Amino acid sequence: MLSEIDAETAFDATVARLRACRICRDAPLYGAPLPQEPRPIVQGLASARLCVASQAPGNRADKSGVPFMDPSGTRLRDWLGLDEAAFYDASRLAIVPMGACFPGYDAKGGDKPPRRECAERWRVELFAGLPNLELILVIGQYAQGWHLGRQKAGLTDTVRRWREILASPGTPRVLPLPHPSWRNSGWLKANPWYEAELLPVLKTEVAHAMAPR
């Protein structure tokens, strides 16, 4: 098992290599090359106890280099009960998307799925450098598929089973969430149990993971 110092060094080294990665543009394994210069975005230190396992940075994050610095991030921070200072405290909270770069837009103007090359190459190595994680918040179907295994019934059913998933044995524990995008506002209205039942527990779990030790 890595010591905390070794884990910190390992995570920093992985992130440095990831930020230099150009696989999706120069040697894509799935589909066309990334249409713009890659700008991998990830946050964390080996001491982090909470992880946001998200989908992929959006266009605003790509331009700023800061994850979730957009309306989706505002909604997510409200769900978690965190201000910006706490959310961007890498010593306590890691942000590890399925795809580290903005994947570009699809024909309908929505974000494309995260590039598959990224998770296959970097995800195991990144999480090996985060040995203190207590809770992973898996946002959206791509992260849920990776961390929970393929979910046949879809995102709504997966999030509905949040109690069962959170209580599953093992460390770190996992809690599934929908994506906080404005495009999911209709989903939130159609599923009022999410805000009424899951969000209070989410805030409690986040506060515990973020508390000073």
Protein backbone atom coordinates (compact mmCIF):
# COMPACT_ATOMS: atom_id res chain seq x y z
CA MET A 1 0.00 0.00 0.00
CA LEU A 2 1.33 3.45 -0.92
CA SER A 3 2.20 5.86 1.86
CA GLU A 4 0.45 9.24 1.74
CA ILE A 5 3.62 10.87 0.37
CA ASP A 6 4.03 8.17 -2.29
CA ALA A 7 0.36 8.45 -3.25
CA GLU A 8 0.65 12.23 -3.54
CA THR A 9 3.67 11.86 -5.80
CA ALA A 10 1.94 9.17 -7.85
CA PHE A 11 -1.22 11.23 -8.34
CA ASP A 12 0.70 14.38 -9.30
CA ALA A 13 2.81 12.39 -11.78
CA THR A 14 -0.29 10.83 -13.34
CA VAL A 15 -2.01 14.19 -13.66
CA ALA A 16 1.09 15.67 -15.29
CA ARG A 17 1.14 12.88 -17.87
CA LEU A 18 -2.60 13.18 -18.41
CA ARG A 19 -2.33 16.91 -19.07
CA ALA A 20 0.20 16.14 -21.80
CA CYS A 21 -2.00 13.43 -23.33
CA ARG A 22 -3.08 13.84 -26.95
CA ILE A 23 -4.39 10.33 -27.70
CA CYS A 24 -7.91 11.44 -28.62
CA ARG A 25 -6.57 13.96 -31.15
CA ASP A 26 -3.42 12.32 -32.52
CA ALA A 27 -4.19 8.60 -32.21
CA PRO A 28 -7.93 8.20 -31.64
CA LEU A 29 -9.20 4.70 -30.99
CA TYR A 30 -12.91 5.48 -31.31
CA GLY A 31 -14.23 7.65 -34.09
CA ALA A 32 -12.92 10.96 -35.41
CA PRO A 33 -10.14 12.88 -33.67
CA LEU A 34 -11.00 15.44 -31.03
CA PRO A 35 -11.88 18.58 -33.01
CA GLN A 36 -9.89 21.00 -30.87
CA GLU A 37 -6.65 21.15 -28.92
CA PRO A 38 -6.98 18.84 -25.91
CA ARG A 39 -7.08 20.55 -22.52
CA PRO A 40 -7.32 17.79 -19.88
CA ILE A 41 -8.96 19.02 -16.67
CA VAL A 42 -8.81 17.13 -13.39
CA GLN A 43 -8.65 18.16 -9.73
CA GLY A 44 -7.38 16.39 -6.64
CA LEU A 45 -4.70 15.53 -4.14
CA ALA A 46 -4.02 12.19 -2.50
CA SER A 47 -5.60 13.48 0.73
CA ALA A 48 -9.04 13.96 -0.90
CA ARG A 49 -11.84 12.00 0.77
CA LEU A 50 -14.65 12.99 -1.62
CA CYS A 51 -14.64 12.52 -5.39
CA VAL A 52 -16.95 13.90 -8.03
CA ALA A 53 -16.82 11.34 -10.84
CA SER A 54 -18.32 13.36 -13.65
CA GLN A 55 -18.85 13.07 -17.38
CA ALA A 56 -16.50 15.49 -19.20
CA PRO A 57 -15.68 19.21 -19.01
CA GLY A 58 -18.00 21.52 -20.90
CA ASN A 59 -17.00 24.31 -23.26
CA ARG A 60 -16.75 26.89 -20.47
CA ALA A 61 -14.49 24.63 -18.45
CA ASP A 62 -12.37 24.05 -21.54
CA LYS A 63 -11.89 27.79 -21.98
CA SER A 64 -11.21 28.54 -18.29
CA GLY A 65 -9.43 25.36 -17.25
CA VAL A 66 -11.70 25.18 -14.17
CA PRO A 67 -14.20 22.30 -13.85
CA PHE A 68 -17.86 23.11 -13.21
CA MET A 69 -17.38 26.87 -13.40
CA ASP A 70 -20.77 27.20 -15.11
CA PRO A 71 -24.51 26.93 -14.31
CA SER A 72 -24.19 23.14 -13.94
CA GLY A 73 -21.52 23.71 -11.32
CA THR A 74 -23.71 26.21 -9.48
CA ARG A 75 -26.50 23.63 -9.29
CA LEU A 76 -24.07 20.87 -8.28
CA ARG A 77 -22.57 22.95 -5.46
CA ASP A 78 -26.10 23.69 -4.24
CA TRP A 79 -26.86 19.96 -4.23
CA LEU A 80 -23.69 19.28 -2.24
CA GLY A 81 -24.12 22.19 0.17
CA LEU A 82 -20.66 23.56 -0.69
CA ASP A 83 -19.42 27.02 -1.58
CA GLU A 84 -16.80 27.54 -4.28
CA ALA A 85 -13.89 27.62 -1.82
CA ALA A 86 -14.75 24.18 -0.45
CA PHE A 87 -15.65 22.72 -3.85
CA TYR A 88 -12.28 23.71 -5.32
CA ASP A 89 -10.26 22.58 -2.31
CA ALA A 90 -8.25 19.83 -4.01
CA SER A 91 -6.97 18.53 -0.69
CA ARG A 92 -10.50 17.47 0.22
CA LEU A 93 -12.41 17.09 -3.05
CA ALA A 94 -11.23 15.41 -6.25
CA ILE A 95 -12.93 15.88 -9.61
CA VAL A 96 -12.18 13.02 -12.02
CA PRO A 97 -14.28 13.07 -15.20
CA MET A 98 -14.74 10.07 -17.45
CA GLY A 99 -13.21 12.14 -20.23
CA ALA A 100 -10.74 14.80 -19.15
CA CYS A 101 -11.24 17.02 -22.24
CA PHE A 102 -14.25 18.82 -23.67
CA PRO A 103 -15.48 16.35 -26.32
CA GLY A 104 -17.08 18.93 -28.63
CA TYR A 105 -20.69 19.35 -29.68
CA ASP A 106 -23.01 16.89 -31.41
CA ALA A 107 -25.34 17.74 -34.29
CA LYS A 108 -28.06 18.95 -31.89
CA GLY A 109 -25.75 21.32 -30.03
CA GLY A 110 -25.31 19.14 -26.97
CA ASP A 111 -22.00 17.91 -25.63
CA LYS A 112 -20.74 14.68 -27.18
CA PRO A 113 -20.12 11.70 -24.87
CA PRO A 114 -16.76 11.61 -23.09
CA ARG A 115 -13.96 10.11 -25.14
CA ARG A 116 -13.60 6.41 -24.34
CA GLU A 117 -9.83 6.51 -24.77
CA CYS A 118 -9.47 8.69 -21.70
CA ALA A 119 -11.07 6.42 -19.11
CA GLU A 120 -9.43 3.32 -20.57
CA ARG A 121 -5.97 4.89 -20.36
CA TRP A 122 -6.08 7.00 -17.20
CA ARG A 123 -8.93 6.16 -14.83
CA VAL A 124 -7.42 3.24 -12.93
CA GLU A 125 -4.13 5.08 -12.50
CA LEU A 126 -5.83 8.25 -11.28
CA PHE A 127 -7.87 6.46 -8.63
CA ALA A 128 -4.80 4.53 -7.48
CA GLY A 129 -3.41 7.92 -6.46
CA LEU A 130 -6.50 8.75 -4.35
CA PRO A 131 -6.21 6.18 -1.52
CA ASN A 132 -8.17 8.18 1.06
CA LEU A 133 -11.48 8.42 -0.77
CA GLU A 134 -14.52 7.68 1.37
CA LEU A 135 -17.28 8.60 -1.08
CA ILE A 136 -17.52 8.81 -4.87
CA LEU A 137 -20.42 10.74 -6.38
CA VAL A 138 -21.03 9.16 -9.80
CA ILE A 139 -22.70 11.70 -12.05
CA GLY A 140 -24.49 10.52 -15.17
CA GLN A 141 -24.70 7.22 -16.99
CA TYR A 142 -21.08 7.03 -18.15
CA ALA A 143 -19.58 7.33 -14.67
CA GLN A 144 -22.27 5.04 -13.28
CA GLY A 145 -21.47 2.41 -15.87
CA TRP A 146 -17.77 2.54 -14.98
CA HIS A 147 -18.11 2.54 -11.20
CA LEU A 148 -21.23 0.39 -10.79
CA GLY A 149 -21.09 -1.85 -13.82
CA ARG A 150 -23.41 -1.63 -16.78
CA GLN A 151 -26.88 -0.53 -15.65
CA LYS A 152 -29.51 -2.16 -17.85
CA ALA A 153 -32.47 -0.14 -16.59
CA GLY A 154 -30.98 3.32 -17.19
CA LEU A 155 -30.08 6.36 -15.15
CA THR A 156 -33.42 6.95 -13.45
CA ASP A 157 -33.58 3.43 -12.06
CA THR A 158 -29.94 3.60 -10.96
CA VAL A 159 -30.48 6.85 -9.07
CA ARG A 160 -33.71 5.48 -7.56
CA ARG A 161 -31.62 2.65 -6.06
CA TRP A 162 -29.34 5.14 -4.31
CA ARG A 163 -30.04 3.73 -0.82
CA GLU A 164 -29.09 0.22 -1.88
CA ILE A 165 -25.99 1.42 -3.72
CA LEU A 166 -24.81 3.67 -0.88
CA ALA A 167 -25.25 0.83 1.63
CA SER A 168 -23.29 -1.66 -0.48
CA PRO A 169 -20.15 -2.99 1.25
CA GLY A 170 -16.77 -1.67 0.27
CA THR A 171 -14.70 1.50 0.42
CA PRO A 172 -15.07 4.05 -0.99
CA ARG A 173 -18.86 4.09 -0.99
CA VAL A 174 -20.67 5.23 -4.12
CA LEU A 175 -23.71 7.48 -4.56
CA PRO A 176 -25.31 7.91 -8.02
CA LEU A 177 -26.57 11.32 -9.16
CA PRO A 178 -28.06 12.74 -12.36
CA HIS A 179 -26.07 15.34 -14.24
CA PRO A 180 -26.73 18.87 -12.90
CA SER A 181 -27.07 20.29 -16.42
CA TRP A 182 -29.96 22.65 -17.14
CA ARG A 183 -30.99 20.08 -19.76
CA ASN A 184 -32.03 17.81 -16.88
CA SER A 185 -34.45 20.33 -15.35
CA GLY A 186 -37.35 18.33 -16.80
CA TRP A 187 -36.00 15.16 -15.18
CA LEU A 188 -35.85 16.89 -11.80
CA LYS A 189 -39.47 18.04 -12.12
CA ALA A 190 -40.57 14.53 -13.11
CA ASN A 191 -38.70 12.96 -10.17
CA PRO A 192 -39.44 15.11 -7.09
CA TRP A 193 -38.21 12.31 -4.79
CA TYR A 194 -34.66 13.21 -5.81
CA GLU A 195 -34.70 16.60 -4.11
CA ALA A 196 -36.99 15.49 -1.28
CA GLU A 197 -35.26 12.24 -0.31
CA LEU A 198 -31.78 11.99 -1.78
CA LEU A 199 -30.47 15.56 -1.50
CA PRO A 200 -30.71 15.80 2.32
CA VAL A 201 -28.70 12.58 2.64
CA LEU A 202 -26.25 13.78 0.00
CA LYS A 203 -25.56 16.99 1.93
CA THR A 204 -25.02 15.04 5.14
CA GLU A 205 -22.63 12.58 3.49
CA VAL A 206 -20.69 15.38 1.79
CA ALA A 207 -20.37 17.36 5.03
CA HIS A 208 -18.97 14.29 6.78
CA ALA A 209 -16.43 13.57 4.03
CA MET A 210 -15.32 17.20 3.90
CA ALA A 211 -15.06 17.72 7.67
CA PRO A 212 -11.56 18.38 9.10
CA ARG A 213 -9.88 15.30 10.58
